[in-house]
Amino acid sequence: MDTTNKPENELNHLRFHLPHKHLGPVFGEDWFALKAEAFARFFGTPVFLVSQTGIVGLWIVFNILVATRIWHFDEYPFILLNLAFSLQAAYAAPLILLAQTRQADRDKAHSEADAKHREDLACNAAQQTANLLELINQNTKLTELTNELSKRIEQLTAEMHAQVIQKRPAD
């Protein structure tokens, strides 16, 4: 696709979001905030859910069948597993809230940019309508002028024809 002849604003479909670019997210753009958000987003994926279910299943099977005979690592009621879940929940909740807040900020900026774009489109449509009406009025005036000039040419032609016939010598 050749984009050399297009203006820059036609190339960037997010150009209406640029005025909102200065709005930084509440938690910043640093490494930790980005990684925390990515981690929080990972919590809702099927990969995470299947992986966690598999690990918990292996943990229980290992501790019931193997560890109780060899070494008493985490016997039923699996206190260490419950502690791991509690620790995971303690970190997961704030990380999920962080991701939701950052997404809400992005959604708000996009919504404002979209509203401004719609307003600009409405203003442009109104301006184009006014321009079209002006062009129609000019066209009407030109048509009337052309009609008047055509009538005048017809009248002058008739007058000249009458004078030529009067001055013509009889054959």
N, C-alpha and C. Protein backbone atom coordinates (compact mmCIF):
# COMPACT_ATOMS: atom_id res chain seq x y z
N MET A 1 0.84 -1.17 0.00
CA MET A 1 0.00 0.00 0.00
C MET A 1 0.88 1.23 0.00
N ASP A 2 0.67 2.10 -0.93
CA ASP A 2 1.47 3.32 -1.04
C ASP A 2 0.89 4.39 -0.13
N THR A 3 1.70 4.83 0.84
CA THR A 3 1.24 5.85 1.79
C THR A 3 2.02 7.13 1.64
N THR A 4 2.76 7.27 0.56
CA THR A 4 3.62 8.44 0.41
C THR A 4 2.83 9.70 0.10
N ASN A 5 1.66 9.58 -0.54
CA ASN A 5 0.89 10.75 -0.91
C ASN A 5 -0.16 11.14 0.12
N LYS A 6 -0.35 10.34 1.15
CA LYS A 6 -1.36 10.64 2.16
C LYS A 6 -0.79 11.55 3.24
N PRO A 7 -1.61 12.48 3.72
CA PRO A 7 -1.14 13.29 4.85
C PRO A 7 -0.99 12.42 6.09
N GLU A 8 -0.19 12.90 7.02
CA GLU A 8 0.12 12.10 8.21
C GLU A 8 -1.12 11.79 9.03
N ASN A 9 -2.07 12.74 9.13
CA ASN A 9 -3.24 12.48 9.96
C ASN A 9 -4.14 11.40 9.37
N GLU A 10 -4.05 11.09 8.07
CA GLU A 10 -4.81 9.99 7.51
C GLU A 10 -4.16 8.65 7.83
N LEU A 11 -2.86 8.65 8.07
CA LEU A 11 -2.14 7.41 8.33
C LEU A 11 -2.36 6.92 9.75
N ASN A 12 -2.47 7.81 10.70
CA ASN A 12 -2.57 7.44 12.10
C ASN A 12 -4.03 7.47 12.53
N HIS A 13 -4.65 6.29 12.63
CA HIS A 13 -6.06 6.25 13.00
C HIS A 13 -6.28 6.61 14.47
N LEU A 14 -5.23 6.70 15.26
CA LEU A 14 -5.36 7.10 16.66
C LEU A 14 -5.01 8.57 16.86
N ARG A 15 -5.00 9.35 15.77
CA ARG A 15 -4.58 10.74 15.87
C ARG A 15 -5.48 11.54 16.80
N PHE A 16 -6.72 11.14 16.99
CA PHE A 16 -7.62 11.88 17.86
C PHE A 16 -7.33 11.59 19.33
N HIS A 17 -6.52 10.57 19.60
CA HIS A 17 -6.14 10.25 20.97
C HIS A 17 -4.89 11.02 21.40
N LEU A 18 -4.18 11.62 20.46
CA LEU A 18 -2.94 12.31 20.77
C LEU A 18 -3.11 13.44 21.79
N PRO A 19 -4.21 14.23 21.75
CA PRO A 19 -4.34 15.27 22.78
C PRO A 19 -4.43 14.72 24.20
N HIS A 20 -4.78 13.43 24.33
CA HIS A 20 -4.90 12.81 25.64
C HIS A 20 -3.66 12.03 26.04
N LYS A 21 -2.63 12.10 25.20
CA LYS A 21 -1.42 11.33 25.45
C LYS A 21 -0.72 11.78 26.74
N HIS A 22 -0.87 13.04 27.10
CA HIS A 22 -0.22 13.56 28.30
C HIS A 22 -0.83 12.99 29.58
N LEU A 23 -1.99 12.40 29.47
CA LEU A 23 -2.64 11.83 30.65
C LEU A 23 -1.96 10.51 30.99
N GLY A 24 -1.07 10.55 31.94
CA GLY A 24 -0.39 9.33 32.34
C GLY A 24 -1.29 8.50 33.23
N PRO A 25 -1.11 7.21 33.22
CA PRO A 25 -1.92 6.37 34.10
C PRO A 25 -1.62 6.68 35.56
N VAL A 26 -2.57 6.35 36.39
CA VAL A 26 -2.46 6.67 37.81
C VAL A 26 -1.22 6.04 38.43
N PHE A 27 -0.89 4.84 37.99
CA PHE A 27 0.21 4.11 38.60
C PHE A 27 1.52 4.23 37.82
N GLY A 28 1.55 5.08 36.82
CA GLY A 28 2.78 5.33 36.09
C GLY A 28 3.02 4.33 34.98
N GLU A 29 4.12 4.55 34.29
CA GLU A 29 4.52 3.70 33.17
C GLU A 29 5.84 2.98 33.47
N ASP A 30 6.19 2.88 34.72
CA ASP A 30 7.46 2.25 35.06
C ASP A 30 7.38 0.73 34.90
N TRP A 31 8.50 0.10 35.03
CA TRP A 31 8.62 -1.34 34.83
C TRP A 31 7.67 -2.11 35.75
N PHE A 32 7.64 -1.74 37.02
CA PHE A 32 6.82 -2.48 37.98
C PHE A 32 5.34 -2.38 37.63
N ALA A 33 4.87 -1.18 37.31
CA ALA A 33 3.45 -1.00 37.00
C ALA A 33 3.06 -1.81 35.77
N LEU A 34 3.89 -1.80 34.75
CA LEU A 34 3.58 -2.55 33.54
C LEU A 34 3.59 -4.06 33.79
N LYS A 35 4.58 -4.53 34.55
CA LYS A 35 4.66 -5.96 34.85
C LYS A 35 3.51 -6.39 35.77
N ALA A 36 3.17 -5.53 36.74
CA ALA A 36 2.06 -5.85 37.64
C ALA A 36 0.75 -5.96 36.87
N GLU A 37 0.57 -5.05 35.94
CA GLU A 37 -0.65 -5.10 35.14
C GLU A 37 -0.67 -6.34 34.26
N ALA A 38 0.45 -6.68 33.66
CA ALA A 38 0.52 -7.88 32.83
C ALA A 38 0.26 -9.14 33.67
N PHE A 39 0.80 -9.16 34.87
CA PHE A 39 0.59 -10.30 35.76
C PHE A 39 -0.88 -10.40 36.16
N ALA A 40 -1.50 -9.25 36.47
CA ALA A 40 -2.91 -9.25 36.85
C ALA A 40 -3.79 -9.71 35.70
N ARG A 41 -3.42 -9.32 34.49
CA ARG A 41 -4.19 -9.77 33.33
C ARG A 41 -4.02 -11.28 33.12
N PHE A 42 -2.87 -11.82 33.49
CA PHE A 42 -2.61 -13.24 33.35
C PHE A 42 -3.50 -14.07 34.27
N PHE A 43 -3.93 -13.51 35.41
CA PHE A 43 -4.77 -14.25 36.36
C PHE A 43 -6.07 -14.74 35.74
N GLY A 44 -6.60 -14.05 34.75
CA GLY A 44 -7.88 -14.44 34.17
C GLY A 44 -7.77 -15.32 32.95
N THR A 45 -6.59 -15.75 32.61
CA THR A 45 -6.44 -16.54 31.38
C THR A 45 -6.65 -18.03 31.65
N PRO A 46 -7.06 -18.77 30.64
CA PRO A 46 -7.21 -20.22 30.79
C PRO A 46 -5.89 -20.90 31.14
N VAL A 47 -4.78 -20.37 30.62
CA VAL A 47 -3.47 -20.97 30.93
C VAL A 47 -3.23 -20.95 32.44
N PHE A 48 -3.50 -19.81 33.07
CA PHE A 48 -3.29 -19.70 34.51
C PHE A 48 -4.21 -20.65 35.27
N LEU A 49 -5.50 -20.65 34.90
CA LEU A 49 -6.46 -21.49 35.62
C LEU A 49 -6.14 -22.98 35.49
N VAL A 50 -5.79 -23.41 34.29
CA VAL A 50 -5.45 -24.83 34.08
C VAL A 50 -4.15 -25.16 34.81
N SER A 51 -3.17 -24.27 34.72
CA SER A 51 -1.88 -24.51 35.40
C SER A 51 -2.07 -24.59 36.91
N GLN A 52 -2.82 -23.68 37.47
CA GLN A 52 -3.02 -23.69 38.92
C GLN A 52 -3.78 -24.94 39.34
N THR A 53 -4.78 -25.32 38.57
CA THR A 53 -5.53 -26.54 38.90
C THR A 53 -4.61 -27.76 38.84
N GLY A 54 -3.75 -27.82 37.83
CA GLY A 54 -2.81 -28.93 37.73
C GLY A 54 -1.83 -28.96 38.90
N ILE A 55 -1.31 -27.81 39.27
CA ILE A 55 -0.35 -27.75 40.40
C ILE A 55 -1.02 -28.16 41.69
N VAL A 56 -2.24 -27.66 41.93
CA VAL A 56 -2.96 -28.03 43.16
C VAL A 56 -3.26 -29.53 43.17
N GLY A 57 -3.67 -30.06 42.01
CA GLY A 57 -3.94 -31.50 41.93
C GLY A 57 -2.68 -32.32 42.22
N LEU A 58 -1.56 -31.93 41.62
CA LEU A 58 -0.29 -32.63 41.88
C LEU A 58 0.11 -32.50 43.34
N TRP A 59 -0.07 -31.32 43.92
CA TRP A 59 0.26 -31.08 45.33
C TRP A 59 -0.51 -32.05 46.23
N ILE A 60 -1.81 -32.14 45.98
CA ILE A 60 -2.65 -33.01 46.82
C ILE A 60 -2.27 -34.47 46.62
N VAL A 61 -2.14 -34.90 45.37
CA VAL A 61 -1.79 -36.29 45.09
C VAL A 61 -0.43 -36.62 45.69
N PHE A 62 0.55 -35.74 45.50
CA PHE A 62 1.88 -35.97 46.04
C PHE A 62 1.84 -36.11 47.57
N ASN A 63 1.11 -35.21 48.22
CA ASN A 63 1.08 -35.22 49.69
C ASN A 63 0.25 -36.35 50.27
N ILE A 64 -0.73 -36.84 49.54
CA ILE A 64 -1.53 -37.96 50.05
C ILE A 64 -0.82 -39.28 49.81
N LEU A 65 -0.33 -39.48 48.59
CA LEU A 65 0.21 -40.78 48.21
C LEU A 65 1.69 -40.94 48.54
N VAL A 66 2.48 -39.90 48.34
CA VAL A 66 3.92 -40.06 48.45
C VAL A 66 4.46 -39.51 49.76
N ALA A 67 4.17 -38.26 50.03
CA ALA A 67 4.82 -37.59 51.15
C ALA A 67 4.41 -38.16 52.49
N THR A 68 3.19 -38.67 52.64
CA THR A 68 2.78 -39.21 53.94
C THR A 68 3.54 -40.47 54.30
N ARG A 69 4.00 -41.22 53.30
CA ARG A 69 4.75 -42.44 53.57
C ARG A 69 6.23 -42.16 53.81
N ILE A 70 6.75 -41.15 53.12
CA ILE A 70 8.18 -40.89 53.20
C ILE A 70 8.49 -39.76 54.17
N TRP A 71 7.77 -38.67 53.98
CA TRP A 71 8.08 -37.45 54.72
C TRP A 71 6.80 -36.69 54.90
N HIS A 72 6.53 -36.21 56.08
CA HIS A 72 5.28 -35.49 56.37
C HIS A 72 5.47 -34.01 56.01
N PHE A 73 5.23 -33.71 54.71
CA PHE A 73 5.48 -32.36 54.20
C PHE A 73 4.28 -31.45 54.44
N ASP A 74 3.11 -31.76 53.87
CA ASP A 74 1.90 -30.95 54.05
C ASP A 74 0.72 -31.90 54.09
N GLU A 75 0.49 -32.46 55.26
CA GLU A 75 -0.58 -33.45 55.43
C GLU A 75 -1.95 -32.77 55.37
N TYR A 76 -2.96 -33.63 55.17
CA TYR A 76 -4.33 -33.14 55.19
C TYR A 76 -4.58 -32.42 56.50
N PRO A 77 -5.12 -31.27 56.51
CA PRO A 77 -5.95 -30.43 55.63
C PRO A 77 -5.13 -29.44 54.79
N PHE A 78 -3.89 -29.77 54.48
CA PHE A 78 -3.05 -29.00 53.58
C PHE A 78 -2.93 -27.53 54.00
N ILE A 79 -2.39 -27.31 55.18
CA ILE A 79 -2.23 -25.96 55.73
C ILE A 79 -1.29 -25.13 54.86
N LEU A 80 -0.20 -25.70 54.40
CA LEU A 80 0.75 -24.96 53.57
C LEU A 80 0.11 -24.55 52.23
N LEU A 81 -0.71 -25.42 51.65
CA LEU A 81 -1.42 -25.09 50.43
C LEU A 81 -2.40 -23.94 50.67
N ASN A 82 -3.11 -23.97 51.79
CA ASN A 82 -4.01 -22.86 52.13
C ASN A 82 -3.24 -21.56 52.34
N LEU A 83 -2.06 -21.65 52.93
CA LEU A 83 -1.22 -20.46 53.12
C LEU A 83 -0.79 -19.90 51.76
N ALA A 84 -0.45 -20.79 50.83
CA ALA A 84 -0.06 -20.34 49.48
C ALA A 84 -1.24 -19.66 48.78
N PHE A 85 -2.44 -20.23 48.93
CA PHE A 85 -3.62 -19.58 48.34
C PHE A 85 -3.88 -18.22 48.97
N SER A 86 -3.72 -18.12 50.26
CA SER A 86 -3.93 -16.83 50.94
C SER A 86 -2.92 -15.79 50.46
N LEU A 87 -1.67 -16.22 50.33
CA LEU A 87 -0.63 -15.30 49.84
C LEU A 87 -0.94 -14.87 48.41
N GLN A 88 -1.36 -15.82 47.58
CA GLN A 88 -1.71 -15.49 46.20
C GLN A 88 -2.88 -14.51 46.17
N ALA A 89 -3.89 -14.74 46.98
CA ALA A 89 -5.05 -13.85 47.01
C ALA A 89 -4.67 -12.45 47.51
N ALA A 90 -3.75 -12.40 48.47
CA ALA A 90 -3.33 -11.10 49.01
C ALA A 90 -2.65 -10.25 47.95
N TYR A 91 -1.95 -10.88 47.03
CA TYR A 91 -1.30 -10.13 45.95
C TYR A 91 -2.20 -9.98 44.73
N ALA A 92 -3.04 -10.98 44.48
CA ALA A 92 -3.87 -10.95 43.28
C ALA A 92 -4.90 -9.83 43.33
N ALA A 93 -5.55 -9.63 44.46
CA ALA A 93 -6.61 -8.62 44.54
C ALA A 93 -6.09 -7.22 44.22
N PRO A 94 -5.01 -6.75 44.86
CA PRO A 94 -4.54 -5.41 44.49
C PRO A 94 -4.04 -5.31 43.05
N LEU A 95 -3.43 -6.39 42.55
CA LEU A 95 -2.96 -6.36 41.17
C LEU A 95 -4.13 -6.29 40.18
N ILE A 96 -5.20 -7.01 40.47
CA ILE A 96 -6.37 -6.95 39.61
C ILE A 96 -7.00 -5.57 39.67
N LEU A 97 -7.08 -4.98 40.85
CA LEU A 97 -7.60 -3.62 40.97
C LEU A 97 -6.72 -2.63 40.22
N LEU A 98 -5.43 -2.83 40.28
CA LEU A 98 -4.49 -1.96 39.55
C LEU A 98 -4.78 -2.05 38.04
N ALA A 99 -4.93 -3.26 37.54
CA ALA A 99 -5.19 -3.44 36.11
C ALA A 99 -6.53 -2.82 35.73
N GLN A 100 -7.54 -2.98 36.57
CA GLN A 100 -8.85 -2.40 36.28
C GLN A 100 -8.80 -0.88 36.27
N THR A 101 -8.06 -0.30 37.21
CA THR A 101 -7.95 1.16 37.26
C THR A 101 -7.23 1.69 36.03
N ARG A 102 -6.15 1.04 35.64
CA ARG A 102 -5.41 1.47 34.45
C ARG A 102 -6.29 1.32 33.20
N GLN A 103 -7.06 0.25 33.11
CA GLN A 103 -7.94 0.06 31.97
C GLN A 103 -9.04 1.11 31.96
N ALA A 104 -9.55 1.45 33.14
CA ALA A 104 -10.58 2.50 33.21
C ALA A 104 -10.01 3.84 32.75
N ASP A 105 -8.77 4.14 33.10
CA ASP A 105 -8.13 5.37 32.62
C ASP A 105 -8.00 5.38 31.11
N ARG A 106 -7.58 4.24 30.54
CA ARG A 106 -7.46 4.15 29.08
C ARG A 106 -8.84 4.30 28.42
N ASP A 107 -9.83 3.63 28.99
CA ASP A 107 -11.18 3.71 28.43
C ASP A 107 -11.72 5.13 28.47
N LYS A 108 -11.43 5.84 29.56
CA LYS A 108 -11.90 7.23 29.68
C LYS A 108 -11.23 8.11 28.63
N ALA A 109 -9.92 7.97 28.46
CA ALA A 109 -9.21 8.77 27.46
C ALA A 109 -9.72 8.45 26.06
N HIS A 110 -9.97 7.17 25.76
CA HIS A 110 -10.49 6.79 24.45
C HIS A 110 -11.89 7.34 24.25
N SER A 111 -12.70 7.29 25.29
CA SER A 111 -14.06 7.81 25.21
C SER A 111 -14.06 9.31 24.94
N GLU A 112 -13.19 10.04 25.64
CA GLU A 112 -13.09 11.49 25.41
C GLU A 112 -12.61 11.80 24.00
N ALA A 113 -11.63 11.03 23.53
CA ALA A 113 -11.13 11.25 22.17
C ALA A 113 -12.21 10.92 21.14
N ASP A 114 -12.95 9.84 21.37
CA ASP A 114 -14.02 9.49 20.45
C ASP A 114 -15.12 10.55 20.45
N ALA A 115 -15.47 11.08 21.63
CA ALA A 115 -16.49 12.12 21.71
C ALA A 115 -16.03 13.38 20.97
N LYS A 116 -14.76 13.75 21.15
CA LYS A 116 -14.23 14.91 20.44
C LYS A 116 -14.24 14.67 18.94
N HIS A 117 -13.88 13.47 18.53
CA HIS A 117 -13.89 13.14 17.10
C HIS A 117 -15.30 13.24 16.54
N ARG A 118 -16.29 12.70 17.26
CA ARG A 118 -17.68 12.80 16.80
C ARG A 118 -18.13 14.26 16.72
N GLU A 119 -17.73 15.07 17.70
CA GLU A 119 -18.07 16.49 17.68
C GLU A 119 -17.42 17.19 16.49
N ASP A 120 -16.16 16.87 16.23
CA ASP A 120 -15.47 17.44 15.07
C ASP A 120 -16.16 17.04 13.77
N LEU A 121 -16.58 15.78 13.69
CA LEU A 121 -17.30 15.33 12.50
C LEU A 121 -18.61 16.08 12.32
N ALA A 122 -19.32 16.29 13.43
CA ALA A 122 -20.59 17.03 13.36
C ALA A 122 -20.34 18.46 12.92
N CYS A 123 -19.32 19.10 13.47
CA CYS A 123 -18.99 20.48 13.07
C CYS A 123 -18.59 20.53 11.60
N ASN A 124 -17.78 19.58 11.17
CA ASN A 124 -17.38 19.53 9.77
C ASN A 124 -18.58 19.30 8.85
N ALA A 125 -19.50 18.44 9.28
CA ALA A 125 -20.70 18.18 8.48
C ALA A 125 -21.54 19.45 8.37
N ALA A 126 -21.68 20.19 9.47
CA ALA A 126 -22.44 21.44 9.44
C ALA A 126 -21.75 22.45 8.53
N GLN A 127 -20.44 22.52 8.60
CA GLN A 127 -19.68 23.45 7.74
C GLN A 127 -19.82 23.06 6.28
N GLN A 128 -19.75 21.76 6.00
CA GLN A 128 -19.89 21.30 4.62
C GLN A 128 -21.30 21.57 4.10
N THR A 129 -22.30 21.43 4.96
CA THR A 129 -23.67 21.74 4.56
C THR A 129 -23.80 23.21 4.22
N ALA A 130 -23.22 24.06 5.05
CA ALA A 130 -23.25 25.50 4.78
C ALA A 130 -22.52 25.81 3.47
N ASN A 131 -21.39 25.17 3.25
CA ASN A 131 -20.64 25.37 2.00
C ASN A 131 -21.46 24.92 0.79
N LEU A 132 -22.13 23.78 0.92
CA LEU A 132 -22.95 23.28 -0.18
C LEU A 132 -24.11 24.23 -0.48
N LEU A 133 -24.74 24.75 0.58
CA LEU A 133 -25.82 25.71 0.37
C LEU A 133 -25.30 26.97 -0.34
N GLU A 134 -24.14 27.44 0.05
CA GLU A 134 -23.54 28.60 -0.60
C GLU A 134 -23.24 28.31 -2.06
N LEU A 135 -22.71 27.12 -2.34
CA LEU A 135 -22.43 26.75 -3.73
C LEU A 135 -23.72 26.63 -4.54
N ILE A 136 -24.76 26.10 -3.94
CA ILE A 136 -26.05 26.01 -4.64
C ILE A 136 -26.58 27.40 -4.95
N ASN A 137 -26.48 28.31 -3.97
CA ASN A 137 -26.92 29.69 -4.20
C ASN A 137 -26.11 30.34 -5.32
N GLN A 138 -24.80 30.14 -5.30
CA GLN A 138 -23.96 30.70 -6.36
C GLN A 138 -24.33 30.09 -7.71
N ASN A 139 -24.59 28.78 -7.73
CA ASN A 139 -24.98 28.12 -8.96
C ASN A 139 -26.31 28.68 -9.46
N THR A 140 -27.24 28.91 -8.55
CA THR A 140 -28.53 29.48 -8.94
C THR A 140 -28.34 30.87 -9.53
N LYS A 141 -27.52 31.69 -8.91
CA LYS A 141 -27.25 33.04 -9.43
C LYS A 141 -26.59 32.98 -10.80
N LEU A 142 -25.62 32.07 -10.96
CA LEU A 142 -24.97 31.92 -12.25
C LEU A 142 -25.94 31.43 -13.32
N THR A 143 -26.83 30.53 -12.95
CA THR A 143 -27.83 30.04 -13.90
C THR A 143 -28.77 31.17 -14.31
N GLU A 144 -29.18 31.97 -13.33
CA GLU A 144 -30.04 33.12 -13.65
C GLU A 144 -29.31 34.11 -14.56
N LEU A 145 -28.04 34.39 -14.26
CA LEU A 145 -27.24 35.29 -15.09
C LEU A 145 -27.08 34.74 -16.50
N THR A 146 -26.82 33.44 -16.60
CA THR A 146 -26.69 32.80 -17.90
C THR A 146 -28.00 32.91 -18.67
N ASN A 147 -29.10 32.70 -17.99
CA ASN A 147 -30.42 32.81 -18.62
C ASN A 147 -30.66 34.24 -19.12
N GLU A 148 -30.33 35.23 -18.28
CA GLU A 148 -30.49 36.64 -18.69
C GLU A 148 -29.60 36.96 -19.90
N LEU A 149 -28.35 36.51 -19.85
CA LEU A 149 -27.44 36.76 -20.96
C LEU A 149 -27.91 36.06 -22.23
N SER A 150 -28.42 34.86 -22.11
CA SER A 150 -28.94 34.14 -23.27
C SER A 150 -30.12 34.89 -23.89
N LYS A 151 -31.01 35.41 -23.03
CA LYS A 151 -32.14 36.20 -23.54
C LYS A 151 -31.64 37.47 -24.22
N ARG A 152 -30.64 38.11 -23.62
CA ARG A 152 -30.09 39.34 -24.22
C ARG A 152 -29.42 39.04 -25.56
N ILE A 153 -28.68 37.91 -25.62
CA ILE A 153 -28.04 37.51 -26.89
C ILE A 153 -29.12 37.23 -27.93
N GLU A 154 -30.17 36.56 -27.52
CA GLU A 154 -31.26 36.26 -28.45
C GLU A 154 -31.90 37.57 -28.96
N GLN A 155 -32.10 38.51 -28.02
CA GLN A 155 -32.69 39.80 -28.40
C GLN A 155 -31.76 40.56 -29.36
N LEU A 156 -30.48 40.60 -29.03
CA LEU A 156 -29.52 41.30 -29.90
C LEU A 156 -29.42 40.63 -31.27
N THR A 157 -29.47 39.31 -31.29
CA THR A 157 -29.43 38.58 -32.55
C THR A 157 -30.65 38.93 -33.40
N ALA A 158 -31.78 38.99 -32.75
CA ALA A 158 -33.01 39.34 -33.48
C ALA A 158 -32.92 40.77 -34.02
N GLU A 159 -32.40 41.70 -33.22
CA GLU A 159 -32.25 43.08 -33.67
C GLU A 159 -31.28 43.17 -34.85
N MET A 160 -30.16 42.47 -34.74
CA MET A 160 -29.17 42.50 -35.84
C MET A 160 -29.76 41.87 -37.10
N HIS A 161 -30.50 40.81 -36.92
CA HIS A 161 -31.11 40.15 -38.06
C HIS A 161 -32.09 41.10 -38.76
N ALA A 162 -32.85 41.81 -37.94
CA ALA A 162 -33.81 42.77 -38.52
C ALA A 162 -33.09 43.88 -39.26
N GLN A 163 -31.99 44.37 -38.74
CA GLN A 163 -31.23 45.44 -39.40
C GLN A 163 -30.58 44.93 -40.69
N VAL A 164 -30.08 43.71 -40.68
CA VAL A 164 -29.43 43.16 -41.87
C VAL A 164 -30.49 43.00 -42.99
N ILE A 165 -31.64 42.54 -42.62
CA ILE A 165 -32.71 42.35 -43.63
C ILE A 165 -33.15 43.69 -44.18
N GLN A 166 -33.21 44.74 -43.36
CA GLN A 166 -33.63 46.06 -43.82
C GLN A 166 -32.60 46.65 -44.77
N LYS A 167 -31.35 46.49 -44.52
CA LYS A 167 -30.29 47.10 -45.32
C LYS A 167 -29.95 46.27 -46.56
N ARG A 168 -30.45 45.15 -46.69
CA ARG A 168 -30.10 44.26 -47.78
C ARG A 168 -30.73 44.83 -49.07
N PRO A 169 -29.94 44.92 -50.09
CA PRO A 169 -30.49 45.39 -51.36
C PRO A 169 -31.42 44.33 -51.96
N ALA A 170 -32.37 44.77 -52.60
CA ALA A 170 -33.34 43.85 -53.19
C ALA A 170 -32.71 43.12 -54.37
N ASP A 171 -32.96 41.91 -54.46
CA ASP A 171 -32.38 41.11 -55.55
C ASP A 171 -33.09 41.27 -56.81
